Amino acid sequence: MTTPLPGGAPADALASSPSEKKAAAKAIEKHIHPDTKTAGDYADEKTNTAVKEFDARDGHGWATSTALRKAHKEWGKQVKSLLHRLGSDHTSLIDTGLMFQRADGGAAGMLRPPSALDDF
């Protein structure tokens, strides 16, 4: 049995091979990030409509309008934070592969015997 990661995902669900990392980065870039933004925009539109409907027209608005406005503001911060996190995860997935390639190449260069061609 694998130990779950924070958030409940099993440890063996991690993308660890270069192809899995590339696929995960692509999924974030092509689907998860844009779909999350689209859903956030849709919710903005619908919430703003609801706030206007409950707002004061004759000086007596509903408390629902104020509550929706406050909740929507906090929710917007959370969506923005999620989008930022998705962007960071995407960058990390790509950078990890590059970092290992550079490290492996550097180690290989140090382990390779010197060549007469190195001076040219």
PDB file of N, CA and C in Angstrom:
ATOM      1  N   MET A   1       0.852  -1.188   0.000  1.00  0.00           N
ATOM      2  CA  MET A   1       0.000   0.000   0.000  1.00  0.00           C
ATOM      3  C   MET A   1       0.891   1.242   0.000  1.00  0.00           C
ATOM      4  N   THR A   2       0.539   2.202  -0.837  1.00  0.00           N
ATOM      5  CA  THR A   2       1.322   3.425  -0.905  1.00  0.00           C
ATOM      6  C   THR A   2       0.789   4.444   0.082  1.00  0.00           C
ATOM      7  N   THR A   3       1.694   5.275   0.575  1.00  0.00           N
ATOM      8  CA  THR A   3       1.307   6.331   1.496  1.00  0.00           C
ATOM      9  C   THR A   3       0.721   7.479   0.694  1.00  0.00           C
ATOM     10  N   PRO A   4      -0.462   7.946   1.048  1.00  0.00           N
ATOM     11  CA  PRO A   4      -1.063   9.036   0.278  1.00  0.00           C
ATOM     12  C   PRO A   4      -0.267  10.329   0.431  1.00  0.00           C
ATOM     13  N   LEU A   5      -0.298  11.130  -0.593  1.00  0.00           N
ATOM     14  CA  LEU A   5       0.317  12.454  -0.575  1.00  0.00           C
ATOM     15  C   LEU A   5      -0.656  13.433   0.058  1.00  0.00           C
ATOM     16  N   PRO A   6      -0.171  14.632   0.440  1.00  0.00           N
ATOM     17  CA  PRO A   6      -1.107  15.644   0.921  1.00  0.00           C
ATOM     18  C   PRO A   6      -2.168  15.886  -0.154  1.00  0.00           C
ATOM     19  N   GLY A   7      -3.395  15.961   0.247  1.00  0.00           N
ATOM     20  CA  GLY A   7      -4.491  16.121  -0.699  1.00  0.00           C
ATOM     21  C   GLY A   7      -5.159  14.808  -1.039  1.00  0.00           C
ATOM     22  N   GLY A   8      -4.568  13.679  -0.576  1.00  0.00           N
ATOM     23  CA  GLY A   8      -5.203  12.389  -0.747  1.00  0.00           C
ATOM     24  C   GLY A   8      -4.762  11.568  -1.934  1.00  0.00           C
ATOM     25  N   ALA A   9      -3.937  12.119  -2.831  1.00  0.00           N
ATOM     26  CA  ALA A   9      -3.500  11.349  -4.004  1.00  0.00           C
ATOM     27  C   ALA A   9      -2.503  10.277  -3.568  1.00  0.00           C
ATOM     28  N   PRO A  10      -2.608   9.066  -4.133  1.00  0.00           N
ATOM     29  CA  PRO A  10      -1.628   8.035  -3.793  1.00  0.00           C
ATOM     30  C   PRO A  10      -0.257   8.420  -4.336  1.00  0.00           C
ATOM     31  N   ALA A  11       0.796   8.046  -3.621  1.00  0.00           N
ATOM     32  CA  ALA A  11       2.156   8.417  -4.006  1.00  0.00           C
ATOM     33  C   ALA A  11       2.513   7.891  -5.388  1.00  0.00           C
ATOM     34  N   ASP A  12       1.970   6.750  -5.790  1.00  0.00           N
ATOM     35  CA  ASP A  12       2.302   6.206  -7.106  1.00  0.00           C
ATOM     36  C   ASP A  12       1.564   6.935  -8.237  1.00  0.00           C
ATOM     37  N   ALA A  13       0.770   7.956  -7.904  1.00  0.00           N
ATOM     38  CA  ALA A  13       0.075   8.737  -8.923  1.00  0.00           C
ATOM     39  C   ALA A  13       0.942   9.895  -9.428  1.00  0.00           C
ATOM     40  N   LEU A  14       2.147  10.038  -8.880  1.00  0.00           N
ATOM     41  CA  LEU A  14       3.027  11.121  -9.314  1.00  0.00           C
ATOM     42  C   LEU A  14       3.552  10.864 -10.716  1.00  0.00           C
ATOM     43  N   ALA A  15       3.676  11.924 -11.489  1.00  0.00           N
ATOM     44  CA  ALA A  15       4.305  11.828 -12.808  1.00  0.00           C
ATOM     45  C   ALA A  15       5.811  11.863 -12.579  1.00  0.00           C
ATOM     46  N   SER A  16       6.478  10.753 -12.831  1.00  0.00           N
ATOM     47  CA  SER A  16       7.903  10.720 -12.524  1.00  0.00           C
ATOM     48  C   SER A  16       8.789  10.534 -13.746  1.00  0.00           C
ATOM     49  N   SER A  17       8.286   9.957 -14.798  1.00  0.00           N
ATOM     50  CA  SER A  17       9.113   9.800 -15.992  1.00  0.00           C
ATOM     51  C   SER A  17       9.040  11.088 -16.812  1.00  0.00           C
ATOM     52  N   PRO A  18      10.039  11.336 -17.652  1.00  0.00           N
ATOM     53  CA  PRO A  18       9.986  12.546 -18.479  1.00  0.00           C
ATOM     54  C   PRO A  18       8.716  12.632 -19.335  1.00  0.00           C
ATOM     55  N   SER A  19       8.273  11.508 -19.877  1.00  0.00           N
ATOM     56  CA  SER A  19       7.064  11.552 -20.714  1.00  0.00           C
ATOM     57  C   SER A  19       5.823  11.858 -19.872  1.00  0.00           C
ATOM     58  N   GLU A  20       5.755  11.346 -18.650  1.00  0.00           N
ATOM     59  CA  GLU A  20       4.607  11.640 -17.773  1.00  0.00           C
ATOM     60  C   GLU A  20       4.615  13.105 -17.356  1.00  0.00           C
ATOM     61  N   LYS A  21       5.807  13.641 -17.074  1.00  0.00           N
ATOM     62  CA  LYS A  21       5.902  15.059 -16.700  1.00  0.00           C
ATOM     63  C   LYS A  21       5.493  15.938 -17.874  1.00  0.00           C
ATOM     64  N   LYS A  22       5.941  15.574 -19.067  1.00  0.00           N
ATOM     65  CA  LYS A  22       5.588  16.336 -20.257  1.00  0.00           C
ATOM     66  C   LYS A  22       4.075  16.286 -20.486  1.00  0.00           C
ATOM     67  N   ALA A  23       3.478  15.101 -20.315  1.00  0.00           N
ATOM     68  CA  ALA A  23       2.033  14.953 -20.490  1.00  0.00           C
ATOM     69  C   ALA A  23       1.270  15.763 -19.438  1.00  0.00           C
ATOM     70  N   ALA A  24       1.757  15.755 -18.201  1.00  0.00           N
ATOM     71  CA  ALA A  24       1.099  16.518 -17.137  1.00  0.00           C
ATOM     72  C   ALA A  24       1.203  18.016 -17.418  1.00  0.00           C
ATOM     73  N   ALA A  25       2.369  18.472 -17.857  1.00  0.00           N
ATOM     74  CA  ALA A  25       2.552  19.890 -18.192  1.00  0.00           C
ATOM     75  C   ALA A  25       1.629  20.282 -19.347  1.00  0.00           C
ATOM     76  N   LYS A  26       1.525  19.410 -20.338  1.00  0.00           N
ATOM     77  CA  LYS A  26       0.652  19.686 -21.494  1.00  0.00           C
ATOM     78  C   LYS A  26      -0.814  19.749 -21.060  1.00  0.00           C
ATOM     79  N   ALA A  27      -1.220  18.842 -20.170  1.00  0.00           N
ATOM     80  CA  ALA A  27      -2.608  18.842 -19.679  1.00  0.00           C
ATOM     81  C   ALA A  27      -2.917  20.137 -18.934  1.00  0.00           C
ATOM     82  N   ILE A  28      -1.970  20.602 -18.136  1.00  0.00           N
ATOM     83  CA  ILE A  28      -2.176  21.871 -17.429  1.00  0.00           C
ATOM     84  C   ILE A  28      -2.300  23.009 -18.438  1.00  0.00           C
ATOM     85  N   GLU A  29      -1.376  23.036 -19.403  1.00  0.00           N
ATOM     86  CA  GLU A  29      -1.332  24.127 -20.380  1.00  0.00           C
ATOM     87  C   GLU A  29      -2.549  24.144 -21.312  1.00  0.00           C
ATOM     88  N   LYS A  30      -2.940  22.972 -21.804  1.00  0.00           N
ATOM     89  CA  LYS A  30      -3.986  22.903 -22.827  1.00  0.00           C
ATOM     90  C   LYS A  30      -5.403  22.789 -22.270  1.00  0.00           C
ATOM     91  N   HIS A  31      -5.560  22.240 -21.079  1.00  0.00           N
ATOM     92  CA  HIS A  31      -6.909  21.962 -20.583  1.00  0.00           C
ATOM     93  C   HIS A  31      -7.188  22.550 -19.199  1.00  0.00           C
ATOM     94  N   ILE A  32      -6.399  22.152 -18.215  1.00  0.00           N
ATOM     95  CA  ILE A  32      -6.738  22.490 -16.824  1.00  0.00           C
ATOM     96  C   ILE A  32      -6.734  23.995 -16.583  1.00  0.00           C
ATOM     97  N   HIS A  33      -5.651  24.678 -16.971  1.00  0.00           N
ATOM     98  CA  HIS A  33      -5.557  26.123 -16.742  1.00  0.00           C
ATOM     99  C   HIS A  33      -6.634  26.888 -17.525  1.00  0.00           C
ATOM    100  N   PRO A  34      -6.741  26.676 -18.854  1.00  0.00           N
ATOM    101  CA  PRO A  34      -7.773  27.434 -19.575  1.00  0.00           C
ATOM    102  C   PRO A  34      -9.200  27.087 -19.156  1.00  0.00           C
ATOM    103  N   ASP A  35      -9.446  25.818 -18.838  1.00  0.00           N
ATOM    104  CA  ASP A  35     -10.798  25.430 -18.409  1.00  0.00           C
ATOM    105  C   ASP A  35     -11.143  26.050 -17.056  1.00  0.00           C
ATOM    106  N   THR A  36     -10.151  26.137 -16.177  1.00  0.00           N
ATOM    107  CA  THR A  36     -10.366  26.766 -14.870  1.00  0.00           C
ATOM    108  C   THR A  36     -10.665  28.247 -15.049  1.00  0.00           C
ATOM    109  N   LYS A  37      -9.926  28.899 -15.925  1.00  0.00           N
ATOM    110  CA  LYS A  37     -10.167  30.324 -16.200  1.00  0.00           C
ATOM    111  C   LYS A  37     -11.553  30.532 -16.802  1.00  0.00           C
ATOM    112  N   THR A  38     -11.935  29.677 -17.732  1.00  0.00           N
ATOM    113  CA  THR A  38     -13.257  29.777 -18.357  1.00  0.00           C
ATOM    114  C   THR A  38     -14.363  29.612 -17.316  1.00  0.00           C
ATOM    115  N   ALA A  39     -14.205  28.632 -16.435  1.00  0.00           N
ATOM    116  CA  ALA A  39     -15.208  28.404 -15.384  1.00  0.00           C
ATOM    117  C   ALA A  39     -15.272  29.608 -14.442  1.00  0.00           C
ATOM    118  N   GLY A  40     -14.116  30.176 -14.123  1.00  0.00           N
ATOM    119  CA  GLY A  40     -14.088  31.359 -13.266  1.00  0.00           C
ATOM    120  C   GLY A  40     -14.780  32.543 -13.918  1.00  0.00           C
ATOM    121  N   ASP A  41     -14.533  32.744 -15.219  1.00  0.00           N
ATOM    122  CA  ASP A  41     -15.180  33.841 -15.952  1.00  0.00           C
ATOM    123  C   ASP A  41     -16.691  33.652 -16.001  1.00  0.00           C
ATOM    124  N   TYR A  42     -17.124  32.408 -16.212  1.00  0.00           N
ATOM    125  CA  TYR A  42     -18.555  32.104 -16.257  1.00  0.00           C
ATOM    126  C   TYR A  42     -19.205  32.422 -14.904  1.00  0.00           C
ATOM    127  N   ALA A  43     -18.542  32.016 -13.850  1.00  0.00           N
ATOM    128  CA  ALA A  43     -19.082  32.271 -12.504  1.00  0.00           C
ATOM    129  C   ALA A  43     -19.111  33.769 -12.216  1.00  0.00           C
ATOM    130  N   ASP A  44     -18.094  34.503 -12.688  1.00  0.00           N
ATOM    131  CA  ASP A  44     -18.086  35.965 -12.509  1.00  0.00           C
ATOM    132  C   ASP A  44     -19.331  36.579 -13.137  1.00  0.00           C
ATOM    133  N   GLU A  45     -19.591  36.178 -14.354  1.00  0.00           N
ATOM    134  CA  GLU A  45     -20.735  36.718 -15.093  1.00  0.00           C
ATOM    135  C   GLU A  45     -22.050  36.430 -14.367  1.00  0.00           C
ATOM    136  N   LYS A  46     -22.228  35.185 -13.960  1.00  0.00           N
ATOM    137  CA  LYS A  46     -23.487  34.789 -13.302  1.00  0.00           C
ATOM    138  C   LYS A  46     -23.634  35.444 -11.928  1.00  0.00           C
ATOM    139  N   THR A  47     -22.535  35.529 -11.183  1.00  0.00           N
ATOM    140  CA  THR A  47     -22.601  36.136  -9.854  1.00  0.00           C
ATOM    141  C   THR A  47     -22.891  37.625  -9.954  1.00  0.00           C
ATOM    142  N   ASN A  48     -22.248  38.301 -10.906  1.00  0.00           N
ATOM    143  CA  ASN A  48     -22.513  39.731 -11.079  1.00  0.00           C
ATOM    144  C   ASN A  48     -23.974  39.986 -11.430  1.00  0.00           C
ATOM    145  N   THR A  49     -24.556  39.105 -12.235  1.00  0.00           N
ATOM    146  CA  THR A  49     -25.982  39.235 -12.570  1.00  0.00           C
ATOM    147  C   THR A  49     -26.837  39.082 -11.312  1.00  0.00           C
ATOM    148  N   ALA A  50     -26.512  38.087 -10.492  1.00  0.00           N
ATOM    149  CA  ALA A  50     -27.283  37.864  -9.260  1.00  0.00           C
ATOM    150  C   ALA A  50     -27.137  39.042  -8.293  1.00  0.00           C
ATOM    151  N   VAL A  51     -25.921  39.587  -8.174  1.00  0.00           N
ATOM    152  CA  VAL A  51     -25.701  40.735  -7.289  1.00  0.00           C
ATOM    153  C   VAL A  51     -26.572  41.907  -7.736  1.00  0.00           C
ATOM    154  N   LYS A  52     -26.629  42.168  -9.038  1.00  0.00           N
ATOM    155  CA  LYS A  52     -27.445  43.272  -9.562  1.00  0.00           C
ATOM    156  C   LYS A  52     -28.932  43.043  -9.293  1.00  0.00           C
ATOM    157  N   GLU A  53     -29.371  41.802  -9.443  1.00  0.00           N
ATOM    158  CA  GLU A  53     -30.792  41.493  -9.230  1.00  0.00           C
ATOM    159  C   GLU A  53     -31.209  41.718  -7.774  1.00  0.00           C
ATOM    160  N   PHE A  54     -30.321  41.429  -6.839  1.00  0.00           N
ATOM    161  CA  PHE A  54     -30.654  41.586  -5.419  1.00  0.00           C
ATOM    162  C   PHE A  54     -30.285  42.969  -4.882  1.00  0.00           C
ATOM    163  N   ASP A  55     -29.633  43.792  -5.683  1.00  0.00           N
ATOM    164  CA  ASP A  55     -29.171  45.104  -5.227  1.00  0.00           C
ATOM    165  C   ASP A  55     -30.344  46.063  -5.053  1.00  0.00           C
ATOM    166  N   ALA A  56     -30.079  47.143  -4.346  1.00  0.00           N
ATOM    167  CA  ALA A  56     -31.124  48.141  -4.056  1.00  0.00           C
ATOM    168  C   ALA A  56     -31.530  48.882  -5.324  1.00  0.00           C
ATOM    169  N   ARG A  57     -32.827  48.961  -5.527  1.00  0.00           N
ATOM    170  CA  ARG A  57     -33.356  49.737  -6.652  1.00  0.00           C
ATOM    171  C   ARG A  57     -34.116  50.957  -6.135  1.00  0.00           C
ATOM    172  N   ASP A  58     -34.744  50.760  -5.007  1.00  0.00           N
ATOM    173  CA  ASP A  58     -35.534  51.848  -4.433  1.00  0.00           C
ATOM    174  C   ASP A  58     -34.984  52.244  -3.061  1.00  0.00           C
ATOM    175  N   GLY A  59     -33.686  51.955  -2.865  1.00  0.00           N
ATOM    176  CA  GLY A  59     -33.070  52.262  -1.578  1.00  0.00           C
ATOM    177  C   GLY A  59     -33.117  51.115  -0.593  1.00  0.00           C
ATOM    178  N   HIS A  60     -33.839  50.048  -0.931  1.00  0.00           N
ATOM    179  CA  HIS A  60     -33.950  48.894  -0.042  1.00  0.00           C
ATOM    180  C   HIS A  60     -33.512  47.637  -0.785  1.00  0.00           C
ATOM    181  N   GLY A  61     -32.230  47.315  -0.674  1.00  0.00           N
ATOM    182  CA  GLY A  61     -31.718  46.109  -1.320  1.00  0.00           C
ATOM    183  C   GLY A  61     -31.751  44.929  -0.368  1.00  0.00           C
ATOM    184  N   TRP A  62     -31.475  43.788  -0.898  1.00  0.00           N
ATOM    185  CA  TRP A  62     -31.434  42.576  -0.099  1.00  0.00           C
ATOM    186  C   TRP A  62     -30.029  42.404   0.491  1.00  0.00           C
ATOM    187  N   ALA A  63     -29.972  41.833   1.670  1.00  0.00           N
ATOM    188  CA  ALA A  63     -28.671  41.527   2.279  1.00  0.00           C
ATOM    189  C   ALA A  63     -27.921  40.494   1.431  1.00  0.00           C
ATOM    190  N   THR A  64     -28.664  39.734   0.643  1.00  0.00           N
ATOM    191  CA  THR A  64     -28.063  38.717  -0.230  1.00  0.00           C
ATOM    192  C   THR A  64     -27.084  39.346  -1.205  1.00  0.00           C
ATOM    193  N   SER A  65     -27.389  40.526  -1.697  1.00  0.00           N
ATOM    194  CA  SER A  65     -26.521  41.198  -2.661  1.00  0.00           C
ATOM    195  C   SER A  65     -25.155  41.479  -2.043  1.00  0.00           C
ATOM    196  N   THR A  66     -25.145  42.024  -0.852  1.00  0.00           N
ATOM    197  CA  THR A  66     -23.886  42.331  -0.160  1.00  0.00           C
ATOM    198  C   THR A  66     -23.123  41.050   0.158  1.00  0.00           C
ATOM    199  N   ALA A  67     -23.828  40.039   0.618  1.00  0.00           N
ATOM    200  CA  ALA A  67     -23.176  38.768   0.956  1.00  0.00           C
ATOM    201  C   ALA A  67     -22.577  38.112  -0.285  1.00  0.00           C
ATOM    202  N   LEU A  68     -23.322  38.119  -1.387  1.00  0.00           N
ATOM    203  CA  LEU A  68     -22.799  37.565  -2.642  1.00  0.00           C
ATOM    204  C   LEU A  68     -21.562  38.319  -3.108  1.00  0.00           C
ATOM    205  N   ARG A  69     -21.598  39.625  -3.013  1.00  0.00           N
ATOM    206  CA  ARG A  69     -20.470  40.452  -3.434  1.00  0.00           C
ATOM    207  C   ARG A  69     -19.222  40.101  -2.616  1.00  0.00           C
ATOM    208  N   LYS A  70     -19.373  39.974  -1.301  1.00  0.00           N
ATOM    209  CA  LYS A  70     -18.232  39.639  -0.431  1.00  0.00           C
ATOM    210  C   LYS A  70     -17.720  38.227  -0.719  1.00  0.00           C
ATOM    211  N   ALA A  71     -18.632  37.278  -0.853  1.00  0.00           N
ATOM    212  CA  ALA A  71     -18.235  35.890  -1.124  1.00  0.00           C
ATOM    213  C   ALA A  71     -17.546  35.788  -2.482  1.00  0.00           C
ATOM    214  N   HIS A  72     -18.070  36.513  -3.452  1.00  0.00           N
ATOM    215  CA  HIS A  72     -17.489  36.484  -4.787  1.00  0.00           C
ATOM    216  C   HIS A  72     -16.081  37.071  -4.798  1.00  0.00           C
ATOM    217  N   LYS A  73     -15.870  38.104  -4.016  1.00  0.00           N
ATOM    218  CA  LYS A  73     -14.528  38.704  -3.921  1.00  0.00           C
ATOM    219  C   LYS A  73     -13.529  37.681  -3.376  1.00  0.00           C
ATOM    220  N   GLU A  74     -13.895  36.976  -2.321  1.00  0.00           N
ATOM    221  CA  GLU A  74     -13.007  35.946  -1.751  1.00  0.00           C
ATOM    222  C   GLU A  74     -12.810  34.790  -2.721  1.00  0.00           C
ATOM    223  N   TRP A  75     -13.887  34.383  -3.365  1.00  0.00           N
ATOM    224  CA  TRP A  75     -13.801  33.291  -4.328  1.00  0.00           C
ATOM    225  C   TRP A  75     -12.880  33.680  -5.479  1.00  0.00           C
ATOM    226  N   GLY A  76     -12.971  34.921  -5.924  1.00  0.00           N
ATOM    227  CA  GLY A  76     -12.102  35.414  -6.997  1.00  0.00           C
ATOM    228  C   GLY A  76     -10.636  35.328  -6.621  1.00  0.00           C
ATOM    229  N   LYS A  77     -10.322  35.647  -5.363  1.00  0.00           N
ATOM    230  CA  LYS A  77      -8.939  35.522  -4.883  1.00  0.00           C
ATOM    231  C   LYS A  77      -8.478  34.062  -4.940  1.00  0.00           C
ATOM    232  N   GLN A  78      -9.366  33.155  -4.589  1.00  0.00           N
ATOM    233  CA  GLN A  78      -9.014  31.735  -4.607  1.00  0.00           C
ATOM    234  C   GLN A  78      -8.799  31.231  -6.029  1.00  0.00           C
ATOM    235  N   VAL A  79      -9.625  31.671  -6.969  1.00  0.00           N
ATOM    236  CA  VAL A  79      -9.451  31.271  -8.368  1.00  0.00           C
ATOM    237  C   VAL A  79      -8.120  31.807  -8.891  1.00  0.00           C
ATOM    238  N   LYS A  80      -7.833  33.070  -8.579  1.00  0.00           N
ATOM    239  CA  LYS A  80      -6.566  33.668  -9.012  1.00  0.00           C
ATOM    240  C   LYS A  80      -5.383  32.893  -8.429  1.00  0.00           C
ATOM    241  N   SER A  81      -5.482  32.515  -7.170  1.00  0.00           N
ATOM    242  CA  SER A  81      -4.431  31.739  -6.524  1.00  0.00           C
ATOM    243  C   SER A  81      -4.271  30.368  -7.182  1.00  0.00           C
ATOM    244  N   LEU A  82      -5.387  29.725  -7.508  1.00  0.00           N
ATOM    245  CA  LEU A  82      -5.352  28.422  -8.170  1.00  0.00           C
ATOM    246  C   LEU A  82      -4.699  28.529  -9.547  1.00  0.00           C
ATOM    247  N   LEU A  83      -5.058  29.556 -10.309  1.00  0.00           N
ATOM    248  CA  LEU A  83      -4.466  29.748 -11.625  1.00  0.00           C
ATOM    249  C   LEU A  83      -2.961  29.992 -11.519  1.00  0.00           C
ATOM    250  N   HIS A  84      -2.564  30.758 -10.505  1.00  0.00           N
ATOM    251  CA  HIS A  84      -1.130  30.996 -10.280  1.00  0.00           C
ATOM    252  C   HIS A  84      -0.428  29.681  -9.940  1.00  0.00           C
ATOM    253  N   ARG A  85      -1.052  28.890  -9.084  1.00  0.00           N
ATOM    254  CA  ARG A  85      -0.472  27.597  -8.687  1.00  0.00           C
ATOM    255  C   ARG A  85      -0.355  26.654  -9.888  1.00  0.00           C
ATOM    256  N   LEU A  86      -1.362  26.626 -10.733  1.00  0.00           N
ATOM    257  CA  LEU A  86      -1.301  25.797 -11.943  1.00  0.00           C
ATOM    258  C   LEU A  86      -0.159  26.244 -12.847  1.00  0.00           C
ATOM    259  N   GLY A  87       0.021  27.546 -12.977  1.00  0.00           N
ATOM    260  CA  GLY A  87       1.132  28.063 -13.770  1.00  0.00           C
ATOM    261  C   GLY A  87       2.478  27.665 -13.183  1.00  0.00           C
ATOM    262  N   SER A  88       2.584  27.736 -11.866  1.00  0.00           N
ATOM    263  CA  SER A  88       3.823  27.332 -11.192  1.00  0.00           C
ATOM    264  C   SER A  88       4.085  25.840 -11.355  1.00  0.00           C
ATOM    265  N   ASP A  89       3.029  25.040 -11.234  1.00  0.00           N
ATOM    266  CA  ASP A  89       3.189  23.592 -11.404  1.00  0.00           C
ATOM    267  C   ASP A  89       3.626  23.265 -12.831  1.00  0.00           C
ATOM    268  N   HIS A  90       3.050  23.945 -13.802  1.00  0.00           N
ATOM    269  CA  HIS A  90       3.417  23.740 -15.206  1.00  0.00           C
ATOM    270  C   HIS A  90       4.910  24.042 -15.404  1.00  0.00           C
ATOM    271  N   THR A  91       5.346  25.181 -14.894  1.00  0.00           N
ATOM    272  CA  THR A  91       6.751  25.578 -15.011  1.00  0.00           C
ATOM    273  C   THR A  91       7.658  24.574 -14.305  1.00  0.00           C
ATOM    274  N   SER A  92       7.260  24.134 -13.138  1.00  0.00           N
ATOM    275  CA  SER A  92       8.074  23.172 -12.380  1.00  0.00           C
ATOM    276  C   SER A  92       8.211  21.848 -13.125  1.00  0.00           C
ATOM    277  N   LEU A  93       7.130  21.387 -13.713  1.00  0.00           N
ATOM    278  CA  LEU A  93       7.194  20.127 -14.461  1.00  0.00           C
ATOM    279  C   LEU A  93       8.160  20.234 -15.633  1.00  0.00           C
ATOM    280  N   ILE A  94       8.159  21.350 -16.312  1.00  0.00           N
ATOM    281  CA  ILE A  94       9.059  21.538 -17.447  1.00  0.00           C
ATOM    282  C   ILE A  94      10.492  21.733 -16.967  1.00  0.00           C
ATOM    283  N   ASP A  95      10.669  22.574 -15.945  1.00  0.00           N
ATOM    284  CA  ASP A  95      12.015  22.877 -15.447  1.00  0.00           C
ATOM    285  C   ASP A  95      12.698  21.666 -14.831  1.00  0.00           C
ATOM    286  N   THR A  96      11.937  20.780 -14.215  1.00  0.00           N
ATOM    287  CA  THR A  96      12.527  19.588 -13.600  1.00  0.00           C
ATOM    288  C   THR A  96      13.228  18.738 -14.648  1.00  0.00           C
ATOM    289  N   GLY A  97      12.587  18.534 -15.773  1.00  0.00           N
ATOM    290  CA  GLY A  97      13.206  17.754 -16.845  1.00  0.00           C
ATOM    291  C   GLY A  97      14.479  18.406 -17.351  1.00  0.00           C
ATOM    292  N   LEU A  98      14.439  19.725 -17.523  1.00  0.00           N
ATOM    293  CA  LEU A  98      15.624  20.447 -17.997  1.00  0.00           C
ATOM    294  C   LEU A  98      16.743  20.402 -16.965  1.00  0.00           C
ATOM    295  N   MET A  99      16.385  20.530 -15.696  1.00  0.00           N
ATOM    296  CA  MET A  99      17.381  20.503 -14.627  1.00  0.00           C
ATOM    297  C   MET A  99      18.106  19.155 -14.608  1.00  0.00           C
ATOM    298  N   PHE A 100      17.353  18.061 -14.731  1.00  0.00           N
ATOM    299  CA  PHE A 100      17.988  16.748 -14.733  1.00  0.00           C
ATOM    300  C   PHE A 100      18.852  16.537 -15.973  1.00  0.00           C
ATOM    301  N   GLN A 101      18.410  17.047 -17.120  1.00  0.00           N
ATOM    302  CA  GLN A 101      19.220  16.927 -18.328  1.00  0.00           C
ATOM    303  C   GLN A 101      20.545  17.658 -18.158  1.00  0.00           C
ATOM    304  N   ARG A 102      20.507  18.861 -17.598  1.00  0.00           N
ATOM    305  CA  ARG A 102      21.737  19.628 -17.379  1.00  0.00           C
ATOM    306  C   ARG A 102      22.639  18.929 -16.365  1.00  0.00           C
ATOM    307  N   ALA A 103      22.058  18.437 -15.301  1.00  0.00           N
ATOM    308  CA  ALA A 103      22.856  17.754 -14.276  1.00  0.00           C
ATOM    309  C   ALA A 103      23.486  16.493 -14.839  1.00  0.00           C
ATOM    310  N   ASP A 104      22.707  15.723 -15.576  1.00  0.00           N
ATOM    311  CA  ASP A 104      23.244  14.498 -16.183  1.00  0.00           C
ATOM    312  C   ASP A 104      24.341  14.817 -17.184  1.00  0.00           C
ATOM    313  N   GLY A 105      24.129  15.849 -17.990  1.00  0.00           N
ATOM    314  CA  GLY A 105      25.143  16.250 -18.969  1.00  0.00           C
ATOM    315  C   GLY A 105      26.407  16.739 -18.295  1.00  0.00           C
ATOM    316  N   GLY A 106      26.253  17.491 -17.223  1.00  0.00           N
ATOM    317  CA  GLY A 106      27.425  17.973 -16.469  1.00  0.00           C
ATOM    318  C   GLY A 106      28.192  16.839 -15.834  1.00  0.00           C
ATOM    319  N   ALA A 107      27.465  15.881 -15.253  1.00  0.00           N
ATOM    320  CA  ALA A 107      28.131  14.728 -14.638  1.00  0.00           C
ATOM    321  C   ALA A 107      28.841  13.894 -15.689  1.00  0.00           C
ATOM    322  N   ALA A 108      28.196  13.728 -16.837  1.00  0.00           N
ATOM    323  CA  ALA A 108      28.825  12.951 -17.909  1.00  0.00           C
ATOM    324  C   ALA A 108      30.096  13.636 -18.389  1.00  0.00           C
ATOM    325  N   GLY A 109      30.072  14.958 -18.466  1.00  0.00           N
ATOM    326  CA  GLY A 109      31.254  15.702 -18.884  1.00  0.00           C
ATOM    327  C   GLY A 109      32.402  15.567 -17.910  1.00  0.00           C
ATOM    328  N   MET A 110      32.084  15.491 -16.617  1.00  0.00           N
ATOM    329  CA  MET A 110      33.143  15.349 -15.610  1.00  0.00           C
ATOM    330  C   MET A 110      33.694  13.928 -15.581  1.00  0.00           C
ATOM    331  N   LEU A 111      32.888  12.954 -15.931  1.00  0.00           N
ATOM    332  CA  LEU A 111      33.327  11.559 -15.881  1.00  0.00           C
ATOM    333  C   LEU A 111      34.054  11.131 -17.157  1.00  0.00           C
ATOM    334  N   ARG A 112      33.855  11.855 -18.234  1.00  0.00           N
ATOM    335  CA  ARG A 112      34.474  11.515 -19.504  1.00  0.00           C
ATOM    336  C   ARG A 112      35.969  11.775 -19.417  1.00  0.00           C
ATOM    337  N   PRO A 113      36.769  10.883 -19.960  1.00  0.00           N
ATOM    338  CA  PRO A 113      38.216  11.125 -19.947  1.00  0.00           C
ATOM    339  C   PRO A 113      38.569  12.309 -20.847  1.00  0.00           C
ATOM    340  N   PRO A 114      39.610  13.060 -20.495  1.00  0.00           N
ATOM    341  CA  PRO A 114      40.008  14.198 -21.318  1.00  0.00           C
ATOM    342  C   PRO A 114      40.381  13.751 -22.735  1.00  0.00           C
ATOM    343  N   SER A 115      40.141  14.652 -23.659  1.00  0.00           N
ATOM    344  CA  SER A 115      40.429  14.383 -25.063  1.00  0.00           C
ATOM    345  C   SER A 115      41.353  15.462 -25.603  1.00  0.00           C
ATOM    346  N   ALA A 116      42.171  15.085 -26.570  1.00  0.00           N
ATOM    347  CA  ALA A 116      43.044  16.062 -27.218  1.00  0.00           C
ATOM    348  C   ALA A 116      42.219  17.122 -27.951  1.00  0.00           C
ATOM    349  N   LEU A 117      41.006  16.796 -28.283  1.00  0.00           N
ATOM    350  CA  LEU A 117      40.139  17.730 -28.993  1.00  0.00           C
ATOM    351  C   LEU A 117      39.512  18.780 -28.088  1.00  0.00           C
ATOM    352  N   ASP A 118      39.616  18.601 -26.772  1.00  0.00           N
ATOM    353  CA  ASP A 118      39.027  19.550 -25.812  1.00  0.00           C
ATOM    354  C   ASP A 118      39.646  20.938 -25.947  1.00  0.00           C
ATOM    355  N   ASP A 119      40.896  21.033 -26.380  1.00  0.00           N
ATOM    356  CA  ASP A 119      41.586  22.331 -26.453  1.00  0.00           C
ATOM    357  C   ASP A 119      41.203  23.108 -27.710  1.00  0.00           C
ATOM    358  N   PHE A 120      40.503  22.499 -28.641  1.00  0.00           N
ATOM    359  CA  PHE A 120      40.173  23.197 -29.892  1.00  0.00           C
ATOM    360  C   PHE A 120      38.888  23.904 -29.804  1.00  0.00           C
TER     361      PHE A 120
END
